Amino acid sequence: MDYLNLENLKLLSSHLKIIDLRHPNEASSLRINQKNIEVLSIPYYLLKTNLSNLNKETHYALYCKDGIMSRLQAGILKDKGFTKISVIRDLSEQT
């Protein structure tokens, strides 16, 4: 599993999608705003039921506030055959 920071996201922007795993209430307080990156809002508790909507060939970067759910969900995705999975470490300095 790879870890990405803000600079990595900017470099890979055309090659990945972000999955925001936060609860909708938490996500609405701080929106992820990265130019040229599609953000999918899929709360961690709904990710398993949405796997059929995800392409195993797409590079997904998982985000949650503290990184714990991102790491757990990355393991689940890898177990389900997803190979291009990263965890975002910090978006606090997003532009």
PDB file of N, CA and C in Angstrom:
ATOM      1  N   MET A   1       0.852  -1.177   0.000  1.00  0.00           N
ATOM      2  CA  MET A   1       0.000   0.000   0.000  1.00  0.00           C
ATOM      3  C   MET A   1       0.892   1.232   0.000  1.00  0.00           C
ATOM      4  N   ASP A   2       0.583   2.152  -0.879  1.00  0.00           N
ATOM      5  CA  ASP A   2       1.325   3.406  -0.977  1.00  0.00           C
ATOM      6  C   ASP A   2       0.632   4.480  -0.152  1.00  0.00           C
ATOM      7  N   TYR A   3       1.438   5.425   0.316  1.00  0.00           N
ATOM      8  CA  TYR A   3       0.899   6.590   1.010  1.00  0.00           C
ATOM      9  C   TYR A   3       1.150   7.811   0.145  1.00  0.00           C
ATOM     10  N   LEU A   4       0.142   8.657   0.036  1.00  0.00           N
ATOM     11  CA  LEU A   4       0.252   9.867  -0.770  1.00  0.00           C
ATOM     12  C   LEU A   4       0.088  11.101   0.101  1.00  0.00           C
ATOM     13  N   ASN A   5       0.835  12.142  -0.244  1.00  0.00           N
ATOM     14  CA  ASN A   5       0.625  13.442   0.389  1.00  0.00           C
ATOM     15  C   ASN A   5       0.112  14.396  -0.681  1.00  0.00           C
ATOM     16  N   LEU A   6      -0.034  15.636  -0.341  1.00  0.00           N
ATOM     17  CA  LEU A   6      -0.612  16.613  -1.266  1.00  0.00           C
ATOM     18  C   LEU A   6       0.204  16.745  -2.549  1.00  0.00           C
ATOM     19  N   GLU A   7       1.514  16.751  -2.448  1.00  0.00           N
ATOM     20  CA  GLU A   7       2.362  16.870  -3.639  1.00  0.00           C
ATOM     21  C   GLU A   7       2.193  15.672  -4.563  1.00  0.00           C
ATOM     22  N   ASN A   8       2.157  14.457  -3.992  1.00  0.00           N
ATOM     23  CA  ASN A   8       1.941  13.254  -4.805  1.00  0.00           C
ATOM     24  C   ASN A   8       0.611  13.328  -5.532  1.00  0.00           C
ATOM     25  N   LEU A   9      -0.418  13.811  -4.842  1.00  0.00           N
ATOM     26  CA  LEU A   9      -1.740  13.923  -5.465  1.00  0.00           C
ATOM     27  C   LEU A   9      -1.694  14.823  -6.688  1.00  0.00           C
ATOM     28  N   LYS A  10      -0.990  15.928  -6.564  1.00  0.00           N
ATOM     29  CA  LYS A  10      -0.901  16.859  -7.688  1.00  0.00           C
ATOM     30  C   LYS A  10      -0.201  16.211  -8.878  1.00  0.00           C
ATOM     31  N   LEU A  11       0.828  15.422  -8.617  1.00  0.00           N
ATOM     32  CA  LEU A  11       1.569  14.763  -9.693  1.00  0.00           C
ATOM     33  C   LEU A  11       0.761  13.663 -10.369  1.00  0.00           C
ATOM     34  N   LEU A  12      -0.072  12.974  -9.593  1.00  0.00           N
ATOM     35  CA  LEU A  12      -0.830  11.834 -10.111  1.00  0.00           C
ATOM     36  C   LEU A  12      -2.271  12.179 -10.462  1.00  0.00           C
ATOM     37  N   SER A  13      -2.621  13.435 -10.449  1.00  0.00           N
ATOM     38  CA  SER A  13      -4.023  13.846 -10.543  1.00  0.00           C
ATOM     39  C   SER A  13      -4.784  13.248 -11.718  1.00  0.00           C
ATOM     40  N   SER A  14      -4.144  13.073 -12.840  1.00  0.00           N
ATOM     41  CA  SER A  14      -4.870  12.549 -13.998  1.00  0.00           C
ATOM     42  C   SER A  14      -4.954  11.026 -13.996  1.00  0.00           C
ATOM     43  N   HIS A  15      -4.343  10.398 -13.012  1.00  0.00           N
ATOM     44  CA  HIS A  15      -4.275   8.940 -13.000  1.00  0.00           C
ATOM     45  C   HIS A  15      -5.017   8.284 -11.843  1.00  0.00           C
ATOM     46  N   LEU A  16      -5.722   9.054 -11.045  1.00  0.00           N
ATOM     47  CA  LEU A  16      -6.386   8.437  -9.898  1.00  0.00           C
ATOM     48  C   LEU A  16      -7.697   9.115  -9.561  1.00  0.00           C
ATOM     49  N   LYS A  17      -8.437   8.438  -8.677  1.00  0.00           N
ATOM     50  CA  LYS A  17      -9.669   8.988  -8.117  1.00  0.00           C
ATOM     51  C   LYS A  17      -9.551   8.887  -6.603  1.00  0.00           C
ATOM     52  N   ILE A  18     -10.083   9.879  -5.916  1.00  0.00           N
ATOM     53  CA  ILE A  18     -10.096   9.859  -4.455  1.00  0.00           C
ATOM     54  C   ILE A  18     -11.416   9.272  -3.986  1.00  0.00           C
ATOM     55  N   ILE A  19     -11.338   8.379  -3.005  1.00  0.00           N
ATOM     56  CA  ILE A  19     -12.545   7.906  -2.330  1.00  0.00           C
ATOM     57  C   ILE A  19     -12.533   8.520  -0.939  1.00  0.00           C
ATOM     58  N   ASP A  20     -13.481   9.405  -0.690  1.00  0.00           N
ATOM     59  CA  ASP A  20     -13.639  10.051   0.611  1.00  0.00           C
ATOM     60  C   ASP A  20     -14.486   9.121   1.476  1.00  0.00           C
ATOM     61  N   LEU A  21     -13.862   8.523   2.481  1.00  0.00           N
ATOM     62  CA  LEU A  21     -14.513   7.522   3.324  1.00  0.00           C
ATOM     63  C   LEU A  21     -15.219   8.115   4.537  1.00  0.00           C
ATOM     64  N   ARG A  22     -15.156   9.413   4.696  1.00  0.00           N
ATOM     65  CA  ARG A  22     -15.731  10.029   5.892  1.00  0.00           C
ATOM     66  C   ARG A  22     -17.254   9.969   5.882  1.00  0.00           C
ATOM     67  N   HIS A  23     -17.820  10.011   7.073  1.00  0.00           N
ATOM     68  CA  HIS A  23     -19.273  10.094   7.229  1.00  0.00           C
ATOM     69  C   HIS A  23     -19.735  11.384   6.544  1.00  0.00           C
ATOM     70  N   PRO A  24     -20.902  11.387   5.905  1.00  0.00           N
ATOM     71  CA  PRO A  24     -21.372  12.597   5.209  1.00  0.00           C
ATOM     72  C   PRO A  24     -21.365  13.858   6.071  1.00  0.00           C
ATOM     73  N   ASN A  25     -21.693  13.751   7.351  1.00  0.00           N
ATOM     74  CA  ASN A  25     -21.663  14.934   8.224  1.00  0.00           C
ATOM     75  C   ASN A  25     -20.252  15.490   8.358  1.00  0.00           C
ATOM     76  N   GLU A  26     -19.282  14.605   8.490  1.00  0.00           N
ATOM     77  CA  GLU A  26     -17.891  15.030   8.615  1.00  0.00           C
ATOM     78  C   GLU A  26     -17.376  15.578   7.282  1.00  0.00           C
ATOM     79  N   ALA A  27     -17.741  14.921   6.193  1.00  0.00           N
ATOM     80  CA  ALA A  27     -17.275  15.340   4.869  1.00  0.00           C
ATOM     81  C   ALA A  27     -17.820  16.713   4.485  1.00  0.00           C
ATOM     82  N   SER A  28     -19.026  17.027   4.929  1.00  0.00           N
ATOM     83  CA  SER A  28     -19.608  18.322   4.566  1.00  0.00           C
ATOM     84  C   SER A  28     -18.917  19.484   5.266  1.00  0.00           C
ATOM     85  N   SER A  29     -18.253  19.219   6.395  1.00  0.00           N
ATOM     86  CA  SER A  29     -17.574  20.294   7.116  1.00  0.00           C
ATOM     87  C   SER A  29     -16.251  20.680   6.458  1.00  0.00           C
ATOM     88  N   LEU A  30     -15.633  19.751   5.754  1.00  0.00           N
ATOM     89  CA  LEU A  30     -14.393  20.041   5.033  1.00  0.00           C
ATOM     90  C   LEU A  30     -14.404  19.244   3.736  1.00  0.00           C
ATOM     91  N   ARG A  31     -14.691  19.932   2.660  1.00  0.00           N
ATOM     92  CA  ARG A  31     -14.757  19.271   1.353  1.00  0.00           C
ATOM     93  C   ARG A  31     -13.357  19.112   0.775  1.00  0.00           C
ATOM     94  N   ILE A  32     -13.150  17.997   0.113  1.00  0.00           N
ATOM     95  CA  ILE A  32     -11.887  17.782  -0.585  1.00  0.00           C
ATOM     96  C   ILE A  32     -11.963  18.548  -1.893  1.00  0.00           C
ATOM     97  N   ASN A  33     -11.017  19.429  -2.093  1.00  0.00           N
ATOM     98  CA  ASN A  33     -11.022  20.280  -3.276  1.00  0.00           C
ATOM     99  C   ASN A  33      -9.670  20.157  -3.970  1.00  0.00           C
ATOM    100  N   GLN A  34      -9.554  19.184  -4.843  1.00  0.00           N
ATOM    101  CA  GLN A  34      -8.324  18.992  -5.601  1.00  0.00           C
ATOM    102  C   GLN A  34      -8.643  19.139  -7.080  1.00  0.00           C
ATOM    103  N   LYS A  35      -7.981  20.064  -7.729  1.00  0.00           N
ATOM    104  CA  LYS A  35      -8.223  20.295  -9.157  1.00  0.00           C
ATOM    105  C   LYS A  35      -7.882  19.045  -9.957  1.00  0.00           C
ATOM    106  N   ASN A  36      -8.721  18.752 -10.930  1.00  0.00           N
ATOM    107  CA  ASN A  36      -8.502  17.661 -11.879  1.00  0.00           C
ATOM    108  C   ASN A  36      -8.518  16.271 -11.262  1.00  0.00           C
ATOM    109  N   ILE A  37      -9.058  16.127 -10.062  1.00  0.00           N
ATOM    110  CA  ILE A  37      -9.170  14.808  -9.440  1.00  0.00           C
ATOM    111  C   ILE A  37     -10.632  14.570  -9.093  1.00  0.00           C
ATOM    112  N   GLU A  38     -11.165  13.471  -9.583  1.00  0.00           N
ATOM    113  CA  GLU A  38     -12.542  13.105  -9.248  1.00  0.00           C
ATOM    114  C   GLU A  38     -12.582  12.572  -7.820  1.00  0.00           C
ATOM    115  N   VAL A  39     -13.532  13.067  -7.048  1.00  0.00           N
ATOM    116  CA  VAL A  39     -13.704  12.628  -5.664  1.00  0.00           C
ATOM    117  C   VAL A  39     -15.024  11.878  -5.549  1.00  0.00           C
ATOM    118  N   LEU A  40     -14.946  10.634  -5.098  1.00  0.00           N
ATOM    119  CA  LEU A  40     -16.131   9.814  -4.861  1.00  0.00           C
ATOM    120  C   LEU A  40     -16.412   9.816  -3.369  1.00  0.00           C
ATOM    121  N   SER A  41     -17.587  10.208  -2.980  1.00  0.00           N
ATOM    122  CA  SER A  41     -17.956  10.201  -1.568  1.00  0.00           C
ATOM    123  C   SER A  41     -18.654   8.877  -1.261  1.00  0.00           C
ATOM    124  N   ILE A  42     -17.888   7.962  -0.650  1.00  0.00           N
ATOM    125  CA  ILE A  42     -18.422   6.655  -0.269  1.00  0.00           C
ATOM    126  C   ILE A  42     -18.032   6.428   1.189  1.00  0.00           C
ATOM    127  N   PRO A  43     -18.935   6.665   2.127  1.00  0.00           N
ATOM    128  CA  PRO A  43     -18.601   6.455   3.536  1.00  0.00           C
ATOM    129  C   PRO A  43     -18.065   5.041   3.765  1.00  0.00           C
ATOM    130  N   TYR A  44     -17.128   4.919   4.700  1.00  0.00           N
ATOM    131  CA  TYR A  44     -16.459   3.638   4.958  1.00  0.00           C
ATOM    132  C   TYR A  44     -17.436   2.494   5.169  1.00  0.00           C
ATOM    133  N   TYR A  45     -18.574   2.759   5.785  1.00  0.00           N
ATOM    134  CA  TYR A  45     -19.527   1.696   6.085  1.00  0.00           C
ATOM    135  C   TYR A  45     -20.335   1.268   4.857  1.00  0.00           C
ATOM    136  N   LEU A  46     -20.182   1.975   3.736  1.00  0.00           N
ATOM    137  CA  LEU A  46     -20.873   1.609   2.495  1.00  0.00           C
ATOM    138  C   LEU A  46     -19.923   1.107   1.404  1.00  0.00           C
ATOM    139  N   LEU A  47     -18.626   1.114   1.682  1.00  0.00           N
ATOM    140  CA  LEU A  47     -17.672   0.762   0.632  1.00  0.00           C
ATOM    141  C   LEU A  47     -17.870  -0.668   0.132  1.00  0.00           C
ATOM    142  N   LYS A  48     -18.030  -1.623   1.030  1.00  0.00           N
ATOM    143  CA  LYS A  48     -18.191  -3.024   0.609  1.00  0.00           C
ATOM    144  C   LYS A  48     -19.390  -3.207  -0.309  1.00  0.00           C
ATOM    145  N   THR A  49     -20.466  -2.491  -0.043  1.00  0.00           N
ATOM    146  CA  THR A  49     -21.667  -2.649  -0.871  1.00  0.00           C
ATOM    147  C   THR A  49     -21.560  -1.899  -2.199  1.00  0.00           C
ATOM    148  N   ASN A  50     -20.533  -1.080  -2.357  1.00  0.00           N
ATOM    149  CA  ASN A  50     -20.334  -0.327  -3.599  1.00  0.00           C
ATOM    150  C   ASN A  50     -19.179  -0.850  -4.444  1.00  0.00           C
ATOM    151  N   LEU A  51     -18.588  -1.971  -4.065  1.00  0.00           N
ATOM    152  CA  LEU A  51     -17.433  -2.492  -4.801  1.00  0.00           C
ATOM    153  C   LEU A  51     -17.746  -2.755  -6.268  1.00  0.00           C
ATOM    154  N   SER A  52     -18.960  -3.181  -6.559  1.00  0.00           N
ATOM    155  CA  SER A  52     -19.316  -3.483  -7.951  1.00  0.00           C
ATOM    156  C   SER A  52     -19.335  -2.224  -8.822  1.00  0.00           C
ATOM    157  N   ASN A  53     -19.385  -1.055  -8.203  1.00  0.00           N
ATOM    158  CA  ASN A  53     -19.375   0.212  -8.946  1.00  0.00           C
ATOM    159  C   ASN A  53     -17.960   0.732  -9.203  1.00  0.00           C
ATOM    160  N   LEU A  54     -16.959   0.039  -8.662  1.00  0.00           N
ATOM    161  CA  LEU A  54     -15.570   0.477  -8.796  1.00  0.00           C
ATOM    162  C   LEU A  54     -14.838  -0.391  -9.813  1.00  0.00           C
ATOM    163  N   ASN A  55     -13.944   0.225 -10.556  1.00  0.00           N
ATOM    164  CA  ASN A  55     -13.148  -0.468 -11.565  1.00  0.00           C
ATOM    165  C   ASN A  55     -11.831  -0.915 -10.935  1.00  0.00           C
ATOM    166  N   LYS A  56     -11.535  -2.198 -11.004  1.00  0.00           N
ATOM    167  CA  LYS A  56     -10.312  -2.727 -10.398  1.00  0.00           C
ATOM    168  C   LYS A  56      -9.048  -2.213 -11.075  1.00  0.00           C
ATOM    169  N   GLU A  57      -9.167  -1.631 -12.255  1.00  0.00           N
ATOM    170  CA  GLU A  57      -8.004  -1.100 -12.976  1.00  0.00           C
ATOM    171  C   GLU A  57      -7.713   0.364 -12.632  1.00  0.00           C
ATOM    172  N   THR A  58      -8.624   1.006 -11.924  1.00  0.00           N
ATOM    173  CA  THR A  58      -8.454   2.418 -11.561  1.00  0.00           C
ATOM    174  C   THR A  58      -7.614   2.530 -10.297  1.00  0.00           C
ATOM    175  N   HIS A  59      -6.773   3.555 -10.249  1.00  0.00           N
ATOM    176  CA  HIS A  59      -5.990   3.839  -9.046  1.00  0.00           C
ATOM    177  C   HIS A  59      -6.869   4.672  -8.111  1.00  0.00           C
ATOM    178  N   TYR A  60      -7.121   4.147  -6.916  1.00  0.00           N
ATOM    179  CA  TYR A  60      -7.931   4.843  -5.924  1.00  0.00           C
ATOM    180  C   TYR A  60      -7.057   5.281  -4.762  1.00  0.00           C
ATOM    181  N   ALA A  61      -7.247   6.514  -4.339  1.00  0.00           N
ATOM    182  CA  ALA A  61      -6.584   7.047  -3.153  1.00  0.00           C
ATOM    183  C   ALA A  61      -7.663   7.233  -2.090  1.00  0.00           C
ATOM    184  N   LEU A  62      -7.506   6.553  -0.963  1.00  0.00           N
ATOM    185  CA  LEU A  62      -8.515   6.574   0.089  1.00  0.00           C
ATOM    186  C   LEU A  62      -8.205   7.664   1.100  1.00  0.00           C
ATOM    187  N   TYR A  63      -9.259   8.347   1.548  1.00  0.00           N
ATOM    188  CA  TYR A  63      -9.072   9.421   2.519  1.00  0.00           C
ATOM    189  C   TYR A  63     -10.091   9.330   3.641  1.00  0.00           C
ATOM    190  N   CYS A  64      -9.604   9.487   4.861  1.00  0.00           N
ATOM    191  CA  CYS A  64     -10.440   9.717   6.036  1.00  0.00           C
ATOM    192  C   CYS A  64      -9.663  10.666   6.943  1.00  0.00           C
ATOM    193  N   LYS A  65     -10.282  11.152   7.964  1.00  0.00           N
ATOM    194  CA  LYS A  65      -9.666  12.193   8.791  1.00  0.00           C
ATOM    195  C   LYS A  65      -8.341  11.760   9.415  1.00  0.00           C
ATOM    196  N   ASP A  66      -8.315  10.599  10.050  1.00  0.00           N
ATOM    197  CA  ASP A  66      -7.119  10.160  10.769  1.00  0.00           C
ATOM    198  C   ASP A  66      -6.313   9.090  10.048  1.00  0.00           C
ATOM    199  N   GLY A  67      -6.836   8.550   8.966  1.00  0.00           N
ATOM    200  CA  GLY A  67      -6.120   7.538   8.206  1.00  0.00           C
ATOM    201  C   GLY A  67      -6.379   6.103   8.622  1.00  0.00           C
ATOM    202  N   ILE A  68      -7.046   5.921   9.739  1.00  0.00           N
ATOM    203  CA  ILE A  68      -7.287   4.565  10.239  1.00  0.00           C
ATOM    204  C   ILE A  68      -8.236   3.806   9.322  1.00  0.00           C
ATOM    205  N   MET A  69      -9.378   4.398   9.023  1.00  0.00           N
ATOM    206  CA  MET A  69     -10.344   3.744   8.137  1.00  0.00           C
ATOM    207  C   MET A  69      -9.767   3.562   6.736  1.00  0.00           C
ATOM    208  N   SER A  70      -8.970   4.502   6.290  1.00  0.00           N
ATOM    209  CA  SER A  70      -8.355   4.381   4.965  1.00  0.00           C
ATOM    210  C   SER A  70      -7.473   3.144   4.894  1.00  0.00           C
ATOM    211  N   ARG A  71      -6.656   2.934   5.913  1.00  0.00           N
ATOM    212  CA  ARG A  71      -5.782   1.758   5.929  1.00  0.00           C
ATOM    213  C   ARG A  71      -6.588   0.469   6.002  1.00  0.00           C
ATOM    214  N   LEU A  72      -7.624   0.444   6.833  1.00  0.00           N
ATOM    215  CA  LEU A  72      -8.464  -0.753   6.937  1.00  0.00           C
ATOM    216  C   LEU A  72      -9.169  -1.051   5.616  1.00  0.00           C
ATOM    217  N   GLN A  73      -9.749  -0.035   5.012  1.00  0.00           N
ATOM    218  CA  GLN A  73     -10.474  -0.230   3.761  1.00  0.00           C
ATOM    219  C   GLN A  73      -9.525  -0.577   2.611  1.00  0.00           C
ATOM    220  N   ALA A  74      -8.300  -0.068   2.650  1.00  0.00           N
ATOM    221  CA  ALA A  74      -7.310  -0.425   1.625  1.00  0.00           C
ATOM    222  C   ALA A  74      -7.040  -1.924   1.661  1.00  0.00           C
ATOM    223  N   GLY A  75      -6.944  -2.482   2.860  1.00  0.00           N
ATOM    224  CA  GLY A  75      -6.746  -3.922   2.994  1.00  0.00           C
ATOM    225  C   GLY A  75      -7.912  -4.711   2.430  1.00  0.00           C
ATOM    226  N   ILE A  76      -9.117  -4.245   2.673  1.00  0.00           N
ATOM    227  CA  ILE A  76     -10.311  -4.914   2.142  1.00  0.00           C
ATOM    228  C   ILE A  76     -10.307  -4.864   0.616  1.00  0.00           C
ATOM    229  N   LEU A  77     -10.001  -3.700   0.054  1.00  0.00           N
ATOM    230  CA  LEU A  77      -9.964  -3.580  -1.407  1.00  0.00           C
ATOM    231  C   LEU A  77      -8.903  -4.501  -2.009  1.00  0.00           C
ATOM    232  N   LYS A  78      -7.741  -4.578  -1.376  1.00  0.00           N
ATOM    233  CA  LYS A  78      -6.689  -5.472  -1.876  1.00  0.00           C
ATOM    234  C   LYS A  78      -7.145  -6.919  -1.827  1.00  0.00           C
ATOM    235  N   ASP A  79      -7.820  -7.301  -0.746  1.00  0.00           N
ATOM    236  CA  ASP A  79      -8.356  -8.667  -0.635  1.00  0.00           C
ATOM    237  C   ASP A  79      -9.377  -8.968  -1.726  1.00  0.00           C
ATOM    238  N   LYS A  80     -10.051  -7.945  -2.220  1.00  0.00           N
ATOM    239  CA  LYS A  80     -11.073  -8.110  -3.263  1.00  0.00           C
ATOM    240  C   LYS A  80     -10.494  -7.985  -4.677  1.00  0.00           C
ATOM    241  N   GLY A  81      -9.171  -7.870  -4.781  1.00  0.00           N
ATOM    242  CA  GLY A  81      -8.538  -7.866  -6.096  1.00  0.00           C
ATOM    243  C   GLY A  81      -8.150  -6.512  -6.649  1.00  0.00           C
ATOM    244  N   PHE A  82      -8.325  -5.454  -5.879  1.00  0.00           N
ATOM    245  CA  PHE A  82      -7.899  -4.126  -6.311  1.00  0.00           C
ATOM    246  C   PHE A  82      -6.397  -4.009  -6.038  1.00  0.00           C
ATOM    247  N   THR A  83      -5.638  -3.588  -7.030  1.00  0.00           N
ATOM    248  CA  THR A  83      -4.182  -3.544  -6.871  1.00  0.00           C
ATOM    249  C   THR A  83      -3.614  -2.130  -6.828  1.00  0.00           C
ATOM    250  N   LYS A  84      -4.365  -1.161  -7.293  1.00  0.00           N
ATOM    251  CA  LYS A  84      -3.881   0.226  -7.341  1.00  0.00           C
ATOM    252  C   LYS A  84      -4.573   1.032  -6.248  1.00  0.00           C
ATOM    253  N   ILE A  85      -4.111   0.840  -5.021  1.00  0.00           N
ATOM    254  CA  ILE A  85      -4.727   1.478  -3.859  1.00  0.00           C
ATOM    255  C   ILE A  85      -3.667   2.271  -3.105  1.00  0.00           C
ATOM    256  N   SER A  86      -3.996   3.495  -2.760  1.00  0.00           N
ATOM    257  CA  SER A  86      -3.124   4.332  -1.940  1.00  0.00           C
ATOM    258  C   SER A  86      -3.943   4.943  -0.817  1.00  0.00           C
ATOM    259  N   VAL A  87      -3.237   5.380   0.214  1.00  0.00           N
ATOM    260  CA  VAL A  87      -3.861   6.060   1.345  1.00  0.00           C
ATOM    261  C   VAL A  87      -3.314   7.479   1.394  1.00  0.00           C
ATOM    262  N   ILE A  88      -4.203   8.442   1.506  1.00  0.00           N
ATOM    263  CA  ILE A  88      -3.798   9.845   1.594  1.00  0.00           C
ATOM    264  C   ILE A  88      -3.471  10.157   3.045  1.00  0.00           C
ATOM    265  N   ARG A  89      -2.288  10.673   3.267  1.00  0.00           N
ATOM    266  CA  ARG A  89      -1.850  10.991   4.628  1.00  0.00           C
ATOM    267  C   ARG A  89      -2.450  12.278   5.166  1.00  0.00           C
ATOM    268  N   ASP A  90      -2.438  13.329   4.369  1.00  0.00           N
ATOM    269  CA  ASP A  90      -2.877  14.619   4.909  1.00  0.00           C
ATOM    270  C   ASP A  90      -3.335  15.541   3.785  1.00  0.00           C
ATOM    271  N   LEU A  91      -4.504  16.106   3.960  1.00  0.00           N
ATOM    272  CA  LEU A  91      -4.999  17.106   3.006  1.00  0.00           C
ATOM    273  C   LEU A  91      -5.191  18.453   3.681  1.00  0.00           C
ATOM    274  N   SER A  92      -4.600  18.637   4.844  1.00  0.00           N
ATOM    275  CA  SER A  92      -4.846  19.869   5.596  1.00  0.00           C
ATOM    276  C   SER A  92      -4.328  21.112   4.883  1.00  0.00           C
ATOM    277  N   GLU A  93      -3.397  20.932   3.947  1.00  0.00           N
ATOM    278  CA  GLU A  93      -2.854  22.085   3.225  1.00  0.00           C
ATOM    279  C   GLU A  93      -3.373  22.159   1.798  1.00  0.00           C
ATOM    280  N   GLN A  94      -4.544  21.589   1.551  1.00  0.00           N
ATOM    281  CA  GLN A  94      -5.053  21.555   0.179  1.00  0.00           C
ATOM    282  C   GLN A  94      -5.298  22.953  -0.366  1.00  0.00           C
ATOM    283  N   THR A  95      -5.154  23.048  -1.692  1.00  0.00           N
ATOM    284  CA  THR A  95      -5.385  24.342  -2.344  1.00  0.00           C
ATOM    285  C   THR A  95      -6.500  24.223  -3.340  1.00  0.00           C
TER     286      THR A  95
END
